[in-house]
Amino acid sequence: MDHLETSIQHELGGRKGLIFDRNVARLLDFVNTRENPFLVLAHNIPLYNFVTKQIVKDNIKARIVKSLKNGDAAYQ
């Protein structure tokens, strides 16, 4: 089994496949009943630069957000 495509198919066969399907169904039920737990609704969260490990200043954060919105609008 050197090919990844066939390994994945064989790994999800039988009991492992049933457990995987059950876990996916449980996750979808959770999201449908309690909304998405990974959705961030607060707008006052600081922007974090993962390269320099520092919080981005508010004026730079505003410029980045504005640039992203302008880019999205231009793309649309």
PDB file of N, CA and C in Angstrom:
ATOM      1  N   MET A   1       0.829  -1.191   0.000  1.00  0.00           N
ATOM      2  CA  MET A   1       0.000   0.000   0.000  1.00  0.00           C
ATOM      3  C   MET A   1       0.870   1.251   0.000  1.00  0.00           C
ATOM      4  N   ASP A   2       1.479   1.551  -1.108  1.00  0.00           N
ATOM      5  CA  ASP A   2       2.305   2.743  -1.207  1.00  0.00           C
ATOM      6  C   ASP A   2       1.509   3.963  -1.647  1.00  0.00           C
ATOM      7  N   HIS A   3       0.330   3.747  -2.187  1.00  0.00           N
ATOM      8  CA  HIS A   3      -0.461   4.860  -2.704  1.00  0.00           C
ATOM      9  C   HIS A   3      -1.386   5.378  -1.615  1.00  0.00           C
ATOM     10  N   LEU A   4      -1.343   6.689  -1.411  1.00  0.00           N
ATOM     11  CA  LEU A   4      -2.144   7.307  -0.364  1.00  0.00           C
ATOM     12  C   LEU A   4      -3.645   7.155  -0.637  1.00  0.00           C
ATOM     13  N   GLU A   5      -4.031   7.224  -1.903  1.00  0.00           N
ATOM     14  CA  GLU A   5      -5.458   7.160  -2.226  1.00  0.00           C
ATOM     15  C   GLU A   5      -6.067   5.844  -1.766  1.00  0.00           C
ATOM     16  N   THR A   6      -5.368   4.745  -2.015  1.00  0.00           N
ATOM     17  CA  THR A   6      -5.929   3.450  -1.625  1.00  0.00           C
ATOM     18  C   THR A   6      -5.805   3.230  -0.127  1.00  0.00           C
ATOM     19  N   SER A   7      -4.787   3.786   0.506  1.00  0.00           N
ATOM     20  CA  SER A   7      -4.632   3.626   1.950  1.00  0.00           C
ATOM     21  C   SER A   7      -5.781   4.286   2.696  1.00  0.00           C
ATOM     22  N   ILE A   8      -6.163   5.483   2.269  1.00  0.00           N
ATOM     23  CA  ILE A   8      -7.267   6.176   2.930  1.00  0.00           C
ATOM     24  C   ILE A   8      -8.552   5.379   2.771  1.00  0.00           C
ATOM     25  N   GLN A   9      -8.809   4.866   1.596  1.00  0.00           N
ATOM     26  CA  GLN A   9     -10.037   4.102   1.377  1.00  0.00           C
ATOM     27  C   GLN A   9     -10.057   2.845   2.241  1.00  0.00           C
ATOM     28  N   HIS A  10      -8.931   2.175   2.364  1.00  0.00           N
ATOM     29  CA  HIS A  10      -8.890   0.960   3.166  1.00  0.00           C
ATOM     30  C   HIS A  10      -8.955   1.261   4.660  1.00  0.00           C
ATOM     31  N   GLU A  11      -8.409   2.403   5.071  1.00  0.00           N
ATOM     32  CA  GLU A  11      -8.465   2.762   6.478  1.00  0.00           C
ATOM     33  C   GLU A  11      -9.880   3.090   6.921  1.00  0.00           C
ATOM     34  N   LEU A  12     -10.716   3.579   6.020  1.00  0.00           N
ATOM     35  CA  LEU A  12     -12.085   3.934   6.380  1.00  0.00           C
ATOM     36  C   LEU A  12     -13.060   2.800   6.092  1.00  0.00           C
ATOM     37  N   GLY A  13     -12.560   1.634   5.831  1.00  0.00           N
ATOM     38  CA  GLY A  13     -13.435   0.495   5.592  1.00  0.00           C
ATOM     39  C   GLY A  13     -13.787  -0.206   6.889  1.00  0.00           C
ATOM     40  N   GLY A  14     -14.920  -0.849   6.909  1.00  0.00           N
ATOM     41  CA  GLY A  14     -15.318  -1.642   8.067  1.00  0.00           C
ATOM     42  C   GLY A  14     -15.658  -0.795   9.277  1.00  0.00           C
ATOM     43  N   ARG A  15     -15.175  -1.247  10.437  1.00  0.00           N
ATOM     44  CA  ARG A  15     -15.509  -0.609  11.715  1.00  0.00           C
ATOM     45  C   ARG A  15     -14.991   0.835  11.792  1.00  0.00           C
ATOM     46  N   LYS A  16     -13.786   1.093  11.288  1.00  0.00           N
ATOM     47  CA  LYS A  16     -13.251   2.458  11.320  1.00  0.00           C
ATOM     48  C   LYS A  16     -14.121   3.411  10.504  1.00  0.00           C
ATOM     49  N   GLY A  17     -14.621   2.935   9.386  1.00  0.00           N
ATOM     50  CA  GLY A  17     -15.494   3.769   8.566  1.00  0.00           C
ATOM     51  C   GLY A  17     -16.794   4.096   9.272  1.00  0.00           C
ATOM     52  N   LEU A  18     -17.352   3.116   9.975  1.00  0.00           N
ATOM     53  CA  LEU A  18     -18.594   3.356  10.711  1.00  0.00           C
ATOM     54  C   LEU A  18     -18.380   4.349  11.849  1.00  0.00           C
ATOM     55  N   ILE A  19     -17.263   4.212  12.547  1.00  0.00           N
ATOM     56  CA  ILE A  19     -16.959   5.151  13.629  1.00  0.00           C
ATOM     57  C   ILE A  19     -16.759   6.553  13.065  1.00  0.00           C
ATOM     58  N   PHE A  20     -16.044   6.665  11.939  1.00  0.00           N
ATOM     59  CA  PHE A  20     -15.823   7.962  11.295  1.00  0.00           C
ATOM     60  C   PHE A  20     -17.156   8.590  10.889  1.00  0.00           C
ATOM     61  N   ASP A  21     -18.028   7.817  10.254  1.00  0.00           N
ATOM     62  CA  ASP A  21     -19.334   8.330   9.840  1.00  0.00           C
ATOM     63  C   ASP A  21     -20.153   8.792  11.042  1.00  0.00           C
ATOM     64  N   ARG A  22     -20.101   8.027  12.126  1.00  0.00           N
ATOM     65  CA  ARG A  22     -20.854   8.392  13.327  1.00  0.00           C
ATOM     66  C   ARG A  22     -20.319   9.699  13.918  1.00  0.00           C
ATOM     67  N   ASN A  23     -18.991   9.865  13.940  1.00  0.00           N
ATOM     68  CA  ASN A  23     -18.407  11.098  14.472  1.00  0.00           C
ATOM     69  C   ASN A  23     -18.753  12.309  13.621  1.00  0.00           C
ATOM     70  N   VAL A  24     -18.763  12.140  12.306  1.00  0.00           N
ATOM     71  CA  VAL A  24     -19.148  13.241  11.418  1.00  0.00           C
ATOM     72  C   VAL A  24     -20.615  13.609  11.640  1.00  0.00           C
ATOM     73  N   ALA A  25     -21.465  12.628  11.784  1.00  0.00           N
ATOM     74  CA  ALA A  25     -22.888  12.886  12.033  1.00  0.00           C
ATOM     75  C   ALA A  25     -23.080  13.609  13.365  1.00  0.00           C
ATOM     76  N   ARG A  26     -22.326  13.219  14.395  1.00  0.00           N
ATOM     77  CA  ARG A  26     -22.421  13.883  15.693  1.00  0.00           C
ATOM     78  C   ARG A  26     -21.972  15.334  15.597  1.00  0.00           C
ATOM     79  N   LEU A  27     -20.902  15.590  14.852  1.00  0.00           N
ATOM     80  CA  LEU A  27     -20.425  16.962  14.675  1.00  0.00           C
ATOM     81  C   LEU A  27     -21.464  17.815  13.955  1.00  0.00           C
ATOM     82  N   LEU A  28     -22.053  17.275  12.894  1.00  0.00           N
ATOM     83  CA  LEU A  28     -23.073  18.030  12.164  1.00  0.00           C
ATOM     84  C   LEU A  28     -24.299  18.297  13.029  1.00  0.00           C
ATOM     85  N   ASP A  29     -24.695  17.323  13.852  1.00  0.00           N
ATOM     86  CA  ASP A  29     -25.815  17.534  14.766  1.00  0.00           C
ATOM     87  C   ASP A  29     -25.502  18.640  15.769  1.00  0.00           C
ATOM     88  N   PHE A  30     -24.279  18.650  16.285  1.00  0.00           N
ATOM     89  CA  PHE A  30     -23.875  19.683  17.239  1.00  0.00           C
ATOM     90  C   PHE A  30     -23.945  21.059  16.599  1.00  0.00           C
ATOM     91  N   VAL A  31     -23.396  21.193  15.390  1.00  0.00           N
ATOM     92  CA  VAL A  31     -23.393  22.484  14.704  1.00  0.00           C
ATOM     93  C   VAL A  31     -24.813  22.925  14.384  1.00  0.00           C
ATOM     94  N   ASN A  32     -25.666  21.995  13.996  1.00  0.00           N
ATOM     95  CA  ASN A  32     -27.045  22.358  13.661  1.00  0.00           C
ATOM     96  C   ASN A  32     -27.849  22.779  14.880  1.00  0.00           C
ATOM     97  N   THR A  33     -27.595  22.179  16.046  1.00  0.00           N
ATOM     98  CA  THR A  33     -28.392  22.512  17.232  1.00  0.00           C
ATOM     99  C   THR A  33     -27.839  23.694  18.007  1.00  0.00           C
ATOM    100  N   ARG A  34     -26.502  23.846  18.047  1.00  0.00           N
ATOM    101  CA  ARG A  34     -25.905  24.874  18.899  1.00  0.00           C
ATOM    102  C   ARG A  34     -25.169  25.954  18.129  1.00  0.00           C
ATOM    103  N   GLU A  35     -25.342  26.003  16.852  1.00  0.00           N
ATOM    104  CA  GLU A  35     -24.645  26.961  15.997  1.00  0.00           C
ATOM    105  C   GLU A  35     -23.162  26.607  15.913  1.00  0.00           C
ATOM    106  N   ASN A  36     -22.424  27.342  15.137  1.00  0.00           N
ATOM    107  CA  ASN A  36     -21.009  27.068  14.909  1.00  0.00           C
ATOM    108  C   ASN A  36     -20.190  27.543  16.107  1.00  0.00           C
ATOM    109  N   PRO A  37     -19.494  26.638  16.822  1.00  0.00           N
ATOM    110  CA  PRO A  37     -18.724  27.065  17.994  1.00  0.00           C
ATOM    111  C   PRO A  37     -17.446  27.809  17.625  1.00  0.00           C
ATOM    112  N   PHE A  38     -17.062  27.779  16.366  1.00  0.00           N
ATOM    113  CA  PHE A  38     -15.820  28.398  15.942  1.00  0.00           C
ATOM    114  C   PHE A  38     -16.024  29.786  15.350  1.00  0.00           C
ATOM    115  N   LEU A  39     -17.237  30.278  15.354  1.00  0.00           N
ATOM    116  CA  LEU A  39     -17.552  31.591  14.815  1.00  0.00           C
ATOM    117  C   LEU A  39     -17.247  32.668  15.861  1.00  0.00           C
ATOM    118  N   VAL A  40     -16.461  33.644  15.483  1.00  0.00           N
ATOM    119  CA  VAL A  40     -16.094  34.733  16.392  1.00  0.00           C
ATOM    120  C   VAL A  40     -16.981  35.924  16.075  1.00  0.00           C
ATOM    121  N   LEU A  41     -17.736  36.369  17.060  1.00  0.00           N
ATOM    122  CA  LEU A  41     -18.684  37.452  16.837  1.00  0.00           C
ATOM    123  C   LEU A  41     -18.164  38.805  17.315  1.00  0.00           C
ATOM    124  N   ALA A  42     -17.159  38.831  18.170  1.00  0.00           N
ATOM    125  CA  ALA A  42     -16.648  40.092  18.705  1.00  0.00           C
ATOM    126  C   ALA A  42     -15.771  40.784  17.667  1.00  0.00           C
ATOM    127  N   HIS A  43     -15.898  42.109  17.594  1.00  0.00           N
ATOM    128  CA  HIS A  43     -15.122  42.885  16.630  1.00  0.00           C
ATOM    129  C   HIS A  43     -13.908  43.553  17.269  1.00  0.00           C
ATOM    130  N   ASN A  44     -13.801  43.498  18.575  1.00  0.00           N
ATOM    131  CA  ASN A  44     -12.721  44.184  19.272  1.00  0.00           C
ATOM    132  C   ASN A  44     -11.544  43.256  19.585  1.00  0.00           C
ATOM    133  N   ILE A  45     -11.414  42.191  18.873  1.00  0.00           N
ATOM    134  CA  ILE A  45     -10.308  41.265  19.088  1.00  0.00           C
ATOM    135  C   ILE A  45      -9.067  41.837  18.412  1.00  0.00           C
ATOM    136  N   PRO A  46      -7.950  41.914  19.140  1.00  0.00           N
ATOM    137  CA  PRO A  46      -6.741  42.468  18.527  1.00  0.00           C
ATOM    138  C   PRO A  46      -6.177  41.539  17.449  1.00  0.00           C
ATOM    139  N   LEU A  47      -5.568  42.161  16.460  1.00  0.00           N
ATOM    140  CA  LEU A  47      -4.936  41.404  15.388  1.00  0.00           C
ATOM    141  C   LEU A  47      -3.543  41.005  15.841  1.00  0.00           C
ATOM    142  N   TYR A  48      -3.199  39.731  15.690  1.00  0.00           N
ATOM    143  CA  TYR A  48      -1.950  39.187  16.202  1.00  0.00           C
ATOM    144  C   TYR A  48      -1.045  38.819  15.045  1.00  0.00           C
ATOM    145  N   ASN A  49       0.177  39.331  15.042  1.00  0.00           N
ATOM    146  CA  ASN A  49       1.160  39.001  14.023  1.00  0.00           C
ATOM    147  C   ASN A  49       1.901  37.750  14.473  1.00  0.00           C
ATOM    148  N   PHE A  50       1.653  36.635  13.803  1.00  0.00           N
ATOM    149  CA  PHE A  50       2.258  35.378  14.246  1.00  0.00           C
ATOM    150  C   PHE A  50       3.732  35.276  13.890  1.00  0.00           C
ATOM    151  N   VAL A  51       4.231  36.164  13.033  1.00  0.00           N
ATOM    152  CA  VAL A  51       5.656  36.140  12.680  1.00  0.00           C
ATOM    153  C   VAL A  51       6.484  36.835  13.758  1.00  0.00           C
ATOM    154  N   THR A  52       6.044  38.046  14.159  1.00  0.00           N
ATOM    155  CA  THR A  52       6.797  38.812  15.158  1.00  0.00           C
ATOM    156  C   THR A  52       6.314  38.564  16.577  1.00  0.00           C
ATOM    157  N   LYS A  53       5.213  37.815  16.734  1.00  0.00           N
ATOM    158  CA  LYS A  53       4.627  37.500  18.045  1.00  0.00           C
ATOM    159  C   LYS A  53       4.167  38.756  18.797  1.00  0.00           C
ATOM    160  N   GLN A  54       3.691  39.756  18.059  1.00  0.00           N
ATOM    161  CA  GLN A  54       3.225  40.991  18.666  1.00  0.00           C
ATOM    162  C   GLN A  54       1.817  41.310  18.196  1.00  0.00           C
ATOM    163  N   ILE A  55       1.125  42.115  18.993  1.00  0.00           N
ATOM    164  CA  ILE A  55      -0.210  42.580  18.615  1.00  0.00           C
ATOM    165  C   ILE A  55      -0.050  43.791  17.700  1.00  0.00           C
ATOM    166  N   VAL A  56      -0.813  43.798  16.611  1.00  0.00           N
ATOM    167  CA  VAL A  56      -0.746  44.874  15.625  1.00  0.00           C
ATOM    168  C   VAL A  56      -1.469  46.100  16.179  1.00  0.00           C
ATOM    169  N   LYS A  57      -0.900  47.272  15.959  1.00  0.00           N
ATOM    170  CA  LYS A  57      -1.507  48.520  16.423  1.00  0.00           C
ATOM    171  C   LYS A  57      -2.842  48.744  15.723  1.00  0.00           C
ATOM    172  N   ASP A  58      -3.724  49.487  16.397  1.00  0.00           N
ATOM    173  CA  ASP A  58      -5.085  49.683  15.884  1.00  0.00           C
ATOM    174  C   ASP A  58      -5.110  50.373  14.526  1.00  0.00           C
ATOM    175  N   ASN A  59      -4.243  51.372  14.304  1.00  0.00           N
ATOM    176  CA  ASN A  59      -4.273  52.080  13.016  1.00  0.00           C
ATOM    177  C   ASN A  59      -3.812  51.167  11.877  1.00  0.00           C
ATOM    178  N   ILE A  60      -2.860  50.296  12.145  1.00  0.00           N
ATOM    179  CA  ILE A  60      -2.412  49.352  11.116  1.00  0.00           C
ATOM    180  C   ILE A  60      -3.475  48.286  10.884  1.00  0.00           C
ATOM    181  N   LYS A  61      -4.120  47.857  11.966  1.00  0.00           N
ATOM    182  CA  LYS A  61      -5.204  46.882  11.838  1.00  0.00           C
ATOM    183  C   LYS A  61      -6.317  47.436  10.956  1.00  0.00           C
ATOM    184  N   ALA A  62      -6.680  48.706  11.167  1.00  0.00           N
ATOM    185  CA  ALA A  62      -7.739  49.339  10.370  1.00  0.00           C
ATOM    186  C   ALA A  62      -7.342  49.399   8.900  1.00  0.00           C
ATOM    187  N   ARG A  63      -6.072  49.702   8.611  1.00  0.00           N
ATOM    188  CA  ARG A  63      -5.604  49.752   7.220  1.00  0.00           C
ATOM    189  C   ARG A  63      -5.650  48.377   6.570  1.00  0.00           C
ATOM    190  N   ILE A  64      -5.280  47.353   7.316  1.00  0.00           N
ATOM    191  CA  ILE A  64      -5.305  45.989   6.771  1.00  0.00           C
ATOM    192  C   ILE A  64      -6.737  45.555   6.484  1.00  0.00           C
ATOM    193  N   VAL A  65      -7.632  45.815   7.433  1.00  0.00           N
ATOM    194  CA  VAL A  65      -9.035  45.438   7.242  1.00  0.00           C
ATOM    195  C   VAL A  65      -9.635  46.185   6.058  1.00  0.00           C
ATOM    196  N   LYS A  66      -9.336  47.475   5.936  1.00  0.00           N
ATOM    197  CA  LYS A  66      -9.840  48.273   4.818  1.00  0.00           C
ATOM    198  C   LYS A  66      -9.302  47.742   3.495  1.00  0.00           C
ATOM    199  N   SER A  67      -8.029  47.377   3.485  1.00  0.00           N
ATOM    200  CA  SER A  67      -7.427  46.820   2.272  1.00  0.00           C
ATOM    201  C   SER A  67      -8.096  45.501   1.880  1.00  0.00           C
ATOM    202  N   LEU A  68      -8.377  44.657   2.869  1.00  0.00           N
ATOM    203  CA  LEU A  68      -9.059  43.390   2.585  1.00  0.00           C
ATOM    204  C   LEU A  68     -10.470  43.608   2.051  1.00  0.00           C
ATOM    205  N   LYS A  69     -11.185  44.568   2.642  1.00  0.00           N
ATOM    206  CA  LYS A  69     -12.545  44.872   2.167  1.00  0.00           C
ATOM    207  C   LYS A  69     -12.509  45.439   0.754  1.00  0.00           C
ATOM    208  N   ASN A  70     -11.556  46.339   0.471  1.00  0.00           N
ATOM    209  CA  ASN A  70     -11.445  46.903  -0.878  1.00  0.00           C
ATOM    210  C   ASN A  70     -11.087  45.817  -1.888  1.00  0.00           C
ATOM    211  N   GLY A  71     -10.182  44.928  -1.524  1.00  0.00           N
ATOM    212  CA  GLY A  71      -9.820  43.826  -2.403  1.00  0.00           C
ATOM    213  C   GLY A  71     -10.985  42.894  -2.675  1.00  0.00           C
ATOM    214  N   ASP A  72     -11.765  42.619  -1.629  1.00  0.00           N
ATOM    215  CA  ASP A  72     -12.946  41.763  -1.805  1.00  0.00           C
ATOM    216  C   ASP A  72     -13.973  42.434  -2.716  1.00  0.00           C
ATOM    217  N   ALA A  73     -14.185  43.742  -2.519  1.00  0.00           N
ATOM    218  CA  ALA A  73     -15.130  44.482  -3.358  1.00  0.00           C
ATOM    219  C   ALA A  73     -14.659  44.501  -4.826  1.00  0.00           C
ATOM    220  N   ALA A  74     -13.358  44.707  -5.022  1.00  0.00           N
ATOM    221  CA  ALA A  74     -12.822  44.718  -6.392  1.00  0.00           C
ATOM    222  C   ALA A  74     -12.936  43.333  -7.034  1.00  0.00           C
ATOM    223  N   TYR A  75     -12.742  42.289  -6.233  1.00  0.00           N
ATOM    224  CA  TYR A  75     -12.853  40.945  -6.753  1.00  0.00           C
ATOM    225  C   TYR A  75     -14.284  40.617  -7.159  1.00  0.00           C
ATOM    226  N   GLN A  76     -15.240  41.108  -6.372  1.00  0.00           N
ATOM    227  CA  GLN A  76     -16.644  40.850  -6.669  1.00  0.00           C
ATOM    228  C   GLN A  76     -17.046  41.563  -7.954  1.00  0.00           C
TER     229      GLN A  76
END
